[in-house]
Amino acid sequence: MKSNQQVRQGRVKLFAAVMGGSAVVAMGALSVALHEEQASGASDGAATGATFIQAGSMTMGQTATTTTPPAAPETSVAVPPVKAPPYGGGG
């Protein structure tokens, strides 16, 4: 005979499986619905609220600048401003 704990574990596993399965089904349905909405006439952007940029309206400028790194690092050795005693009080 199964104990109460084993019965509860079985119910929890069944509940988790049902919730996981329903989440997968919901994601699939949502994906199909969104795909159909986008394909059903959103050519002017009014159906989805999207804004479109005309081709050629963007300018290509310089996106990165290059600099020469310093010869030596700014700090050779890092020293903390406050030093605490080691854990355990030794040292």
PDB file of N, CA and C in Angstrom:
ATOM      1  N   MET A   1       0.834  -1.173   0.000  1.00  0.00           N
ATOM      2  CA  MET A   1       0.000   0.000   0.000  1.00  0.00           C
ATOM      3  C   MET A   1       0.884   1.243   0.000  1.00  0.00           C
ATOM      4  N   LYS A   2       0.465   2.267  -0.750  1.00  0.00           N
ATOM      5  CA  LYS A   2       1.232   3.503  -0.851  1.00  0.00           C
ATOM      6  C   LYS A   2       0.978   4.386   0.357  1.00  0.00           C
ATOM      7  N   SER A   3       2.038   5.073   0.772  1.00  0.00           N
ATOM      8  CA  SER A   3       1.879   6.005   1.888  1.00  0.00           C
ATOM      9  C   SER A   3       1.293   7.315   1.364  1.00  0.00           C
ATOM     10  N   ASN A   4       0.869   8.154   2.289  1.00  0.00           N
ATOM     11  CA  ASN A   4       0.306   9.452   1.907  1.00  0.00           C
ATOM     12  C   ASN A   4       1.321  10.314   1.169  1.00  0.00           C
ATOM     13  N   GLN A   5       2.590  10.226   1.552  1.00  0.00           N
ATOM     14  CA  GLN A   5       3.626  11.014   0.900  1.00  0.00           C
ATOM     15  C   GLN A   5       3.796  10.571  -0.556  1.00  0.00           C
ATOM     16  N   GLN A   6       3.756   9.273  -0.815  1.00  0.00           N
ATOM     17  CA  GLN A   6       3.890   8.772  -2.181  1.00  0.00           C
ATOM     18  C   GLN A   6       2.704   9.205  -3.041  1.00  0.00           C
ATOM     19  N   VAL A   7       1.513   9.209  -2.449  1.00  0.00           N
ATOM     20  CA  VAL A   7       0.324   9.644  -3.178  1.00  0.00           C
ATOM     21  C   VAL A   7       0.436  11.123  -3.514  1.00  0.00           C
ATOM     22  N   ARG A   8       0.877  11.935  -2.544  1.00  0.00           N
ATOM     23  CA  ARG A   8       1.046  13.372  -2.783  1.00  0.00           C
ATOM     24  C   ARG A   8       2.095  13.641  -3.851  1.00  0.00           C
ATOM     25  N   GLN A   9       3.205  12.907  -3.824  1.00  0.00           N
ATOM     26  CA  GLN A   9       4.241  13.080  -4.830  1.00  0.00           C
ATOM     27  C   GLN A   9       3.705  12.749  -6.222  1.00  0.00           C
ATOM     28  N   GLY A  10       2.893  11.711  -6.306  1.00  0.00           N
ATOM     29  CA  GLY A  10       2.296  11.351  -7.588  1.00  0.00           C
ATOM     30  C   GLY A  10       1.361  12.428  -8.089  1.00  0.00           C
ATOM     31  N   ARG A  11       0.585  13.016  -7.193  1.00  0.00           N
ATOM     32  CA  ARG A  11      -0.328  14.092  -7.585  1.00  0.00           C
ATOM     33  C   ARG A  11       0.439  15.340  -8.018  1.00  0.00           C
ATOM     34  N   VAL A  12       1.524  15.649  -7.319  1.00  0.00           N
ATOM     35  CA  VAL A  12       2.332  16.814  -7.669  1.00  0.00           C
ATOM     36  C   VAL A  12       2.968  16.613  -9.047  1.00  0.00           C
ATOM     37  N   LYS A  13       3.462  15.411  -9.307  1.00  0.00           N
ATOM     38  CA  LYS A  13       4.061  15.130 -10.615  1.00  0.00           C
ATOM     39  C   LYS A  13       3.017  15.234 -11.716  1.00  0.00           C
ATOM     40  N   LEU A  14       1.824  14.718 -11.469  1.00  0.00           N
ATOM     41  CA  LEU A  14       0.756  14.791 -12.462  1.00  0.00           C
ATOM     42  C   LEU A  14       0.362  16.250 -12.703  1.00  0.00           C
ATOM     43  N   PHE A  15       0.248  17.035 -11.635  1.00  0.00           N
ATOM     44  CA  PHE A  15      -0.095  18.449 -11.764  1.00  0.00           C
ATOM     45  C   PHE A  15       0.971  19.195 -12.555  1.00  0.00           C
ATOM     46  N   ALA A  16       2.250  18.910 -12.260  1.00  0.00           N
ATOM     47  CA  ALA A  16       3.345  19.566 -12.981  1.00  0.00           C
ATOM     48  C   ALA A  16       3.326  19.189 -14.459  1.00  0.00           C
ATOM     49  N   ALA A  17       3.035  17.938 -14.768  1.00  0.00           N
ATOM     50  CA  ALA A  17       2.975  17.503 -16.152  1.00  0.00           C
ATOM     51  C   ALA A  17       1.826  18.179 -16.890  1.00  0.00           C
ATOM     52  N   VAL A  18       0.678  18.293 -16.248  1.00  0.00           N
ATOM     53  CA  VAL A  18      -0.468  18.954 -16.870  1.00  0.00           C
ATOM     54  C   VAL A  18      -0.173  20.424 -17.105  1.00  0.00           C
ATOM     55  N   MET A  19       0.421  21.094 -16.123  1.00  0.00           N
ATOM     56  CA  MET A  19       0.752  22.512 -16.277  1.00  0.00           C
ATOM     57  C   MET A  19       1.790  22.717 -17.384  1.00  0.00           C
ATOM     58  N   GLY A  20       2.796  21.876 -17.448  1.00  0.00           N
ATOM     59  CA  GLY A  20       3.808  21.988 -18.488  1.00  0.00           C
ATOM     60  C   GLY A  20       3.221  21.752 -19.867  1.00  0.00           C
ATOM     61  N   GLY A  21       2.373  20.743 -19.982  1.00  0.00           N
ATOM     62  CA  GLY A  21       1.733  20.462 -21.266  1.00  0.00           C
ATOM     63  C   GLY A  21       0.827  21.590 -21.709  1.00  0.00           C
ATOM     64  N   SER A  22       0.078  22.152 -20.786  1.00  0.00           N
ATOM     65  CA  SER A  22      -0.811  23.251 -21.158  1.00  0.00           C
ATOM     66  C   SER A  22      -0.007  24.493 -21.535  1.00  0.00           C
ATOM     67  N   ALA A  23       1.148  24.703 -20.919  1.00  0.00           N
ATOM     68  CA  ALA A  23       1.998  25.838 -21.287  1.00  0.00           C
ATOM     69  C   ALA A  23       2.528  25.673 -22.710  1.00  0.00           C
ATOM     70  N   VAL A  24       2.915  24.458 -23.066  1.00  0.00           N
ATOM     71  CA  VAL A  24       3.397  24.200 -24.428  1.00  0.00           C
ATOM     72  C   VAL A  24       2.288  24.433 -25.437  1.00  0.00           C
ATOM     73  N   VAL A  25       1.086  23.956 -25.139  1.00  0.00           N
ATOM     74  CA  VAL A  25      -0.044  24.153 -26.043  1.00  0.00           C
ATOM     75  C   VAL A  25      -0.365  25.641 -26.177  1.00  0.00           C
ATOM     76  N   ALA A  26      -0.351  26.371 -25.072  1.00  0.00           N
ATOM     77  CA  ALA A  26      -0.633  27.809 -25.108  1.00  0.00           C
ATOM     78  C   ALA A  26       0.416  28.555 -25.925  1.00  0.00           C
ATOM     79  N   MET A  27       1.690  28.194 -25.780  1.00  0.00           N
ATOM     80  CA  MET A  27       2.738  28.851 -26.571  1.00  0.00           C
ATOM     81  C   MET A  27       2.555  28.568 -28.056  1.00  0.00           C
ATOM     82  N   GLY A  28       2.180  27.344 -28.398  1.00  0.00           N
ATOM     83  CA  GLY A  28       1.950  27.019 -29.794  1.00  0.00           C
ATOM     84  C   GLY A  28       0.781  27.795 -30.366  1.00  0.00           C
ATOM     85  N   ALA A  29      -0.308  27.883 -29.619  1.00  0.00           N
ATOM     86  CA  ALA A  29      -1.479  28.619 -30.096  1.00  0.00           C
ATOM     87  C   ALA A  29      -1.165  30.100 -30.241  1.00  0.00           C
ATOM     88  N   LEU A  30      -0.444  30.659 -29.305  1.00  0.00           N
ATOM     89  CA  LEU A  30      -0.067  32.065 -29.378  1.00  0.00           C
ATOM     90  C   LEU A  30       0.859  32.332 -30.559  1.00  0.00           C
ATOM     91  N   SER A  31       1.765  31.422 -30.792  1.00  0.00           N
ATOM     92  CA  SER A  31       2.686  31.565 -31.928  1.00  0.00           C
ATOM     93  C   SER A  31       1.924  31.549 -33.245  1.00  0.00           C
ATOM     94  N   VAL A  32       0.980  30.629 -33.384  1.00  0.00           N
ATOM     95  CA  VAL A  32       0.180  30.558 -34.610  1.00  0.00           C
ATOM     96  C   VAL A  32      -0.665  31.813 -34.763  1.00  0.00           C
ATOM     97  N   ALA A  33      -1.273  32.281 -33.686  1.00  0.00           N
ATOM     98  CA  ALA A  33      -2.120  33.470 -33.755  1.00  0.00           C
ATOM     99  C   ALA A  33      -1.313  34.703 -34.153  1.00  0.00           C
ATOM    100  N   LEU A  34      -0.145  34.869 -33.578  1.00  0.00           N
ATOM    101  CA  LEU A  34       0.679  36.021 -33.915  1.00  0.00           C
ATOM    102  C   LEU A  34       1.208  35.935 -35.342  1.00  0.00           C
ATOM    103  N   HIS A  35       1.538  34.737 -35.777  1.00  0.00           N
ATOM    104  CA  HIS A  35       2.028  34.569 -37.145  1.00  0.00           C
ATOM    105  C   HIS A  35       0.923  34.892 -38.144  1.00  0.00           C
ATOM    106  N   GLU A  36      -0.296  34.457 -37.868  1.00  0.00           N
ATOM    107  CA  GLU A  36      -1.413  34.739 -38.776  1.00  0.00           C
ATOM    108  C   GLU A  36      -1.727  36.234 -38.783  1.00  0.00           C
ATOM    109  N   GLU A  37      -1.619  36.909 -37.634  1.00  0.00           N
ATOM    110  CA  GLU A  37      -1.894  38.338 -37.571  1.00  0.00           C
ATOM    111  C   GLU A  37      -0.885  39.112 -38.409  1.00  0.00           C
ATOM    112  N   GLN A  38       0.360  38.721 -38.350  1.00  0.00           N
ATOM    113  CA  GLN A  38       1.382  39.408 -39.119  1.00  0.00           C
ATOM    114  C   GLN A  38       1.216  39.149 -40.610  1.00  0.00           C
ATOM    115  N   ALA A  39       0.775  37.966 -40.989  1.00  0.00           N
ATOM    116  CA  ALA A  39       0.647  37.619 -42.396  1.00  0.00           C
ATOM    117  C   ALA A  39      -0.665  38.096 -43.001  1.00  0.00           C
ATOM    118  N   SER A  40      -1.615  38.541 -42.191  1.00  0.00           N
ATOM    119  CA  SER A  40      -2.953  38.831 -42.705  1.00  0.00           C
ATOM    120  C   SER A  40      -3.149  40.273 -43.148  1.00  0.00           C
ATOM    121  N   GLY A  41      -2.114  40.983 -43.496  1.00  0.00           N
ATOM    122  CA  GLY A  41      -2.331  42.324 -44.014  1.00  0.00           C
ATOM    123  C   GLY A  41      -1.694  43.404 -43.196  1.00  0.00           C
ATOM    124  N   ALA A  42      -0.615  43.149 -42.594  1.00  0.00           N
ATOM    125  CA  ALA A  42       0.090  44.167 -41.844  1.00  0.00           C
ATOM    126  C   ALA A  42       1.122  44.836 -42.744  1.00  0.00           C
ATOM    127  N   SER A  43       0.790  45.007 -44.021  1.00  0.00           N
ATOM    128  CA  SER A  43       1.764  45.548 -44.959  1.00  0.00           C
ATOM    129  C   SER A  43       2.012  47.034 -44.738  1.00  0.00           C
ATOM    130  N   ASP A  44       1.016  47.755 -44.220  1.00  0.00           N
ATOM    131  CA  ASP A  44       1.228  49.180 -43.985  1.00  0.00           C
ATOM    132  C   ASP A  44       1.612  49.492 -42.544  1.00  0.00           C
ATOM    133  N   GLY A  45       1.678  48.480 -41.676  1.00  0.00           N
ATOM    134  CA  GLY A  45       2.084  48.684 -40.298  1.00  0.00           C
ATOM    135  C   GLY A  45       0.942  49.083 -39.391  1.00  0.00           C
ATOM    136  N   ALA A  46      -0.266  49.273 -39.913  1.00  0.00           N
ATOM    137  CA  ALA A  46      -1.373  49.724 -39.082  1.00  0.00           C
ATOM    138  C   ALA A  46      -1.886  48.612 -38.171  1.00  0.00           C
ATOM    139  N   ALA A  47      -1.846  47.369 -38.630  1.00  0.00           N
ATOM    140  CA  ALA A  47      -2.398  46.283 -37.839  1.00  0.00           C
ATOM    141  C   ALA A  47      -1.530  45.966 -36.629  1.00  0.00           C
ATOM    142  N   THR A  48      -0.237  46.107 -36.744  1.00  0.00           N
ATOM    143  CA  THR A  48       0.639  45.757 -35.639  1.00  0.00           C
ATOM    144  C   THR A  48       1.180  46.968 -34.911  1.00  0.00           C
ATOM    145  N   GLY A  49       0.934  48.169 -35.422  1.00  0.00           N
ATOM    146  CA  GLY A  49       1.445  49.364 -34.781  1.00  0.00           C
ATOM    147  C   GLY A  49       2.914  49.598 -35.087  1.00  0.00           C
ATOM    148  N   ALA A  50       3.443  48.917 -36.095  1.00  0.00           N
ATOM    149  CA  ALA A  50       4.855  49.052 -36.430  1.00  0.00           C
ATOM    150  C   ALA A  50       5.082  50.292 -37.274  1.00  0.00           C
ATOM    151  N   THR A  51       6.260  50.838 -37.171  1.00  0.00           N
ATOM    152  CA  THR A  51       6.639  51.945 -38.034  1.00  0.00           C
ATOM    153  C   THR A  51       7.754  51.473 -38.939  1.00  0.00           C
ATOM    154  N   PHE A  52       7.705  51.877 -40.187  1.00  0.00           N
ATOM    155  CA  PHE A  52       8.682  51.432 -41.158  1.00  0.00           C
ATOM    156  C   PHE A  52       9.542  52.601 -41.591  1.00  0.00           C
ATOM    157  N   ILE A  53      10.786  52.309 -41.887  1.00  0.00           N
ATOM    158  CA  ILE A  53      11.728  53.319 -42.347  1.00  0.00           C
ATOM    159  C   ILE A  53      11.942  53.107 -43.830  1.00  0.00           C
ATOM    160  N   GLN A  54      11.877  54.179 -44.585  1.00  0.00           N
ATOM    161  CA  GLN A  54      12.094  54.094 -46.018  1.00  0.00           C
ATOM    162  C   GLN A  54      13.541  53.722 -46.298  1.00  0.00           C
ATOM    163  N   ALA A  55      13.755  52.933 -47.337  1.00  0.00           N
ATOM    164  CA  ALA A  55      15.110  52.553 -47.725  1.00  0.00           C
ATOM    165  C   ALA A  55      15.869  53.796 -48.159  1.00  0.00           C
ATOM    166  N   GLY A  56      17.069  53.941 -47.716  1.00  0.00           N
ATOM    167  CA  GLY A  56      17.899  55.065 -48.103  1.00  0.00           C
ATOM    168  C   GLY A  56      17.794  56.251 -47.160  1.00  0.00           C
ATOM    169  N   SER A  57      16.922  56.202 -46.154  1.00  0.00           N
ATOM    170  CA  SER A  57      16.790  57.341 -45.265  1.00  0.00           C
ATOM    171  C   SER A  57      17.836  57.328 -44.154  1.00  0.00           C
ATOM    172  N   MET A  58      18.577  56.257 -44.035  1.00  0.00           N
ATOM    173  CA  MET A  58      19.605  56.181 -43.003  1.00  0.00           C
ATOM    174  C   MET A  58      20.951  56.602 -43.591  1.00  0.00           C
ATOM    175  N   THR A  59      21.748  57.254 -42.794  1.00  0.00           N
ATOM    176  CA  THR A  59      23.080  57.626 -43.254  1.00  0.00           C
ATOM    177  C   THR A  59      24.100  56.735 -42.568  1.00  0.00           C
ATOM    178  N   MET A  60      25.125  56.420 -43.281  1.00  0.00           N
ATOM    179  CA  MET A  60      26.185  55.579 -42.734  1.00  0.00           C
ATOM    180  C   MET A  60      27.347  56.464 -42.338  1.00  0.00           C
ATOM    181  N   GLY A  61      27.511  56.673 -41.063  1.00  0.00           N
ATOM    182  CA  GLY A  61      28.592  57.498 -40.560  1.00  0.00           C
ATOM    183  C   GLY A  61      29.621  56.635 -39.853  1.00  0.00           C
ATOM    184  N   GLN A  62      30.603  57.284 -39.260  1.00  0.00           N
ATOM    185  CA  GLN A  62      31.627  56.556 -38.539  1.00  0.00           C
ATOM    186  C   GLN A  62      31.024  56.031 -37.249  1.00  0.00           C
ATOM    187  N   THR A  63      31.212  54.736 -36.970  1.00  0.00           N
ATOM    188  CA  THR A  63      30.583  54.136 -35.807  1.00  0.00           C
ATOM    189  C   THR A  63      31.560  53.853 -34.679  1.00  0.00           C
ATOM    190  N   ALA A  64      32.867  53.903 -34.945  1.00  0.00           N
ATOM    191  CA  ALA A  64      33.829  53.604 -33.890  1.00  0.00           C
ATOM    192  C   ALA A  64      35.028  54.523 -34.031  1.00  0.00           C
ATOM    193  N   THR A  65      35.606  54.864 -32.914  1.00  0.00           N
ATOM    194  CA  THR A  65      36.833  55.654 -32.943  1.00  0.00           C
ATOM    195  C   THR A  65      37.955  54.803 -32.384  1.00  0.00           C
ATOM    196  N   THR A  66      39.138  55.003 -32.889  1.00  0.00           N
ATOM    197  CA  THR A  66      40.275  54.227 -32.409  1.00  0.00           C
ATOM    198  C   THR A  66      41.237  55.154 -31.690  1.00  0.00           C
ATOM    199  N   THR A  67      41.796  54.663 -30.583  1.00  0.00           N
ATOM    200  CA  THR A  67      42.793  55.413 -29.821  1.00  0.00           C
ATOM    201  C   THR A  67      43.949  54.478 -29.507  1.00  0.00           C
ATOM    202  N   THR A  68      45.102  55.051 -29.281  1.00  0.00           N
ATOM    203  CA  THR A  68      46.273  54.261 -28.913  1.00  0.00           C
ATOM    204  C   THR A  68      46.249  54.028 -27.411  1.00  0.00           C
ATOM    205  N   PRO A  69      46.404  52.775 -26.980  1.00  0.00           N
ATOM    206  CA  PRO A  69      46.404  52.515 -25.533  1.00  0.00           C
ATOM    207  C   PRO A  69      47.656  53.084 -24.880  1.00  0.00           C
ATOM    208  N   PRO A  70      47.596  53.388 -23.580  1.00  0.00           N
ATOM    209  CA  PRO A  70      48.780  53.926 -22.902  1.00  0.00           C
ATOM    210  C   PRO A  70      49.895  52.875 -22.841  1.00  0.00           C
ATOM    211  N   ALA A  71      51.134  53.348 -22.720  1.00  0.00           N
ATOM    212  CA  ALA A  71      52.279  52.440 -22.699  1.00  0.00           C
ATOM    213  C   ALA A  71      52.314  51.600 -21.426  1.00  0.00           C
ATOM    214  N   ALA A  72      51.898  52.175 -20.290  1.00  0.00           N
ATOM    215  CA  ALA A  72      51.906  51.454 -19.020  1.00  0.00           C
ATOM    216  C   ALA A  72      50.538  51.610 -18.367  1.00  0.00           C
ATOM    217  N   PRO A  73      50.153  50.631 -17.559  1.00  0.00           N
ATOM    218  CA  PRO A  73      48.863  50.767 -16.873  1.00  0.00           C
ATOM    219  C   PRO A  73      48.865  51.947 -15.905  1.00  0.00           C
ATOM    220  N   GLU A  74      47.670  52.473 -15.640  1.00  0.00           N
ATOM    221  CA  GLU A  74      47.564  53.629 -14.747  1.00  0.00           C
ATOM    222  C   GLU A  74      48.018  53.303 -13.331  1.00  0.00           C
ATOM    223  N   THR A  75      47.700  52.098 -12.860  1.00  0.00           N
ATOM    224  CA  THR A  75      48.144  51.671 -11.532  1.00  0.00           C
ATOM    225  C   THR A  75      48.932  50.382 -11.702  1.00  0.00           C
ATOM    226  N   SER A  76      50.136  50.349 -11.149  1.00  0.00           N
ATOM    227  CA  SER A  76      50.957  49.144 -11.285  1.00  0.00           C
ATOM    228  C   SER A  76      50.536  48.083 -10.275  1.00  0.00           C
ATOM    229  N   VAL A  77      50.185  48.504  -9.055  1.00  0.00           N
ATOM    230  CA  VAL A  77      49.760  47.580  -8.012  1.00  0.00           C
ATOM    231  C   VAL A  77      48.545  48.180  -7.329  1.00  0.00           C
ATOM    232  N   ALA A  78      47.496  47.400  -7.188  1.00  0.00           N
ATOM    233  CA  ALA A  78      46.294  47.886  -6.512  1.00  0.00           C
ATOM    234  C   ALA A  78      46.447  47.671  -5.013  1.00  0.00           C
ATOM    235  N   VAL A  79      46.236  48.721  -4.237  1.00  0.00           N
ATOM    236  CA  VAL A  79      46.344  48.662  -2.783  1.00  0.00           C
ATOM    237  C   VAL A  79      45.007  49.121  -2.208  1.00  0.00           C
ATOM    238  N   PRO A  80      44.341  48.269  -1.391  1.00  0.00           N
ATOM    239  CA  PRO A  80      43.069  48.683  -0.815  1.00  0.00           C
ATOM    240  C   PRO A  80      43.263  49.804   0.198  1.00  0.00           C
ATOM    241  N   PRO A  81      42.303  50.733   0.308  1.00  0.00           N
ATOM    242  CA  PRO A  81      42.451  51.837   1.262  1.00  0.00           C
ATOM    243  C   PRO A  81      42.329  51.389   2.709  1.00  0.00           C
ATOM    244  N   VAL A  82      41.620  50.286   2.959  1.00  0.00           N
ATOM    245  CA  VAL A  82      41.447  49.771   4.324  1.00  0.00           C
ATOM    246  C   VAL A  82      41.737  48.291   4.288  1.00  0.00           C
ATOM    247  N   LYS A  83      42.514  47.807   5.242  1.00  0.00           N
ATOM    248  CA  LYS A  83      42.827  46.381   5.292  1.00  0.00           C
ATOM    249  C   LYS A  83      42.227  45.800   6.563  1.00  0.00           C
ATOM    250  N   ALA A  84      41.381  44.787   6.398  1.00  0.00           N
ATOM    251  CA  ALA A  84      40.734  44.135   7.538  1.00  0.00           C
ATOM    252  C   ALA A  84      41.593  42.951   7.974  1.00  0.00           C
ATOM    253  N   PRO A  85      41.487  42.552   9.245  1.00  0.00           N
ATOM    254  CA  PRO A  85      42.241  41.375   9.695  1.00  0.00           C
ATOM    255  C   PRO A  85      41.676  40.119   9.024  1.00  0.00           C
ATOM    256  N   PRO A  86      42.485  39.089   8.814  1.00  0.00           N
ATOM    257  CA  PRO A  86      41.996  37.872   8.173  1.00  0.00           C
ATOM    258  C   PRO A  86      40.930  37.181   9.013  1.00  0.00           C
ATOM    259  N   TYR A  87      40.157  36.348   8.368  1.00  0.00           N
ATOM    260  CA  TYR A  87      39.109  35.615   9.058  1.00  0.00           C
ATOM    261  C   TYR A  87      39.730  34.715  10.116  1.00  0.00           C
ATOM    262  N   GLY A  88      39.220  34.714  11.282  1.00  0.00           N
ATOM    263  CA  GLY A  88      39.732  33.891  12.362  1.00  0.00           C
ATOM    264  C   GLY A  88      40.664  34.663  13.291  1.00  0.00           C
ATOM    265  N   GLY A  89      41.020  35.900  12.930  1.00  0.00           N
ATOM    266  CA  GLY A  89      41.820  36.727  13.809  1.00  0.00           C
ATOM    267  C   GLY A  89      43.317  36.520  13.713  1.00  0.00           C
ATOM    268  N   GLY A  90      43.784  35.569  12.948  1.00  0.00           N
ATOM    269  CA  GLY A  90      45.224  35.337  12.847  1.00  0.00           C
ATOM    270  C   GLY A  90      45.857  36.277  11.842  1.00  0.00           C
ATOM    271  N   GLY A  91      47.132  36.449  11.962  1.00  0.00           N
ATOM    272  CA  GLY A  91      47.866  37.153  10.962  1.00  0.00           C
ATOM    273  C   GLY A  91      48.189  38.527  11.291  1.00  0.00           C
TER     274      GLY A  91
END
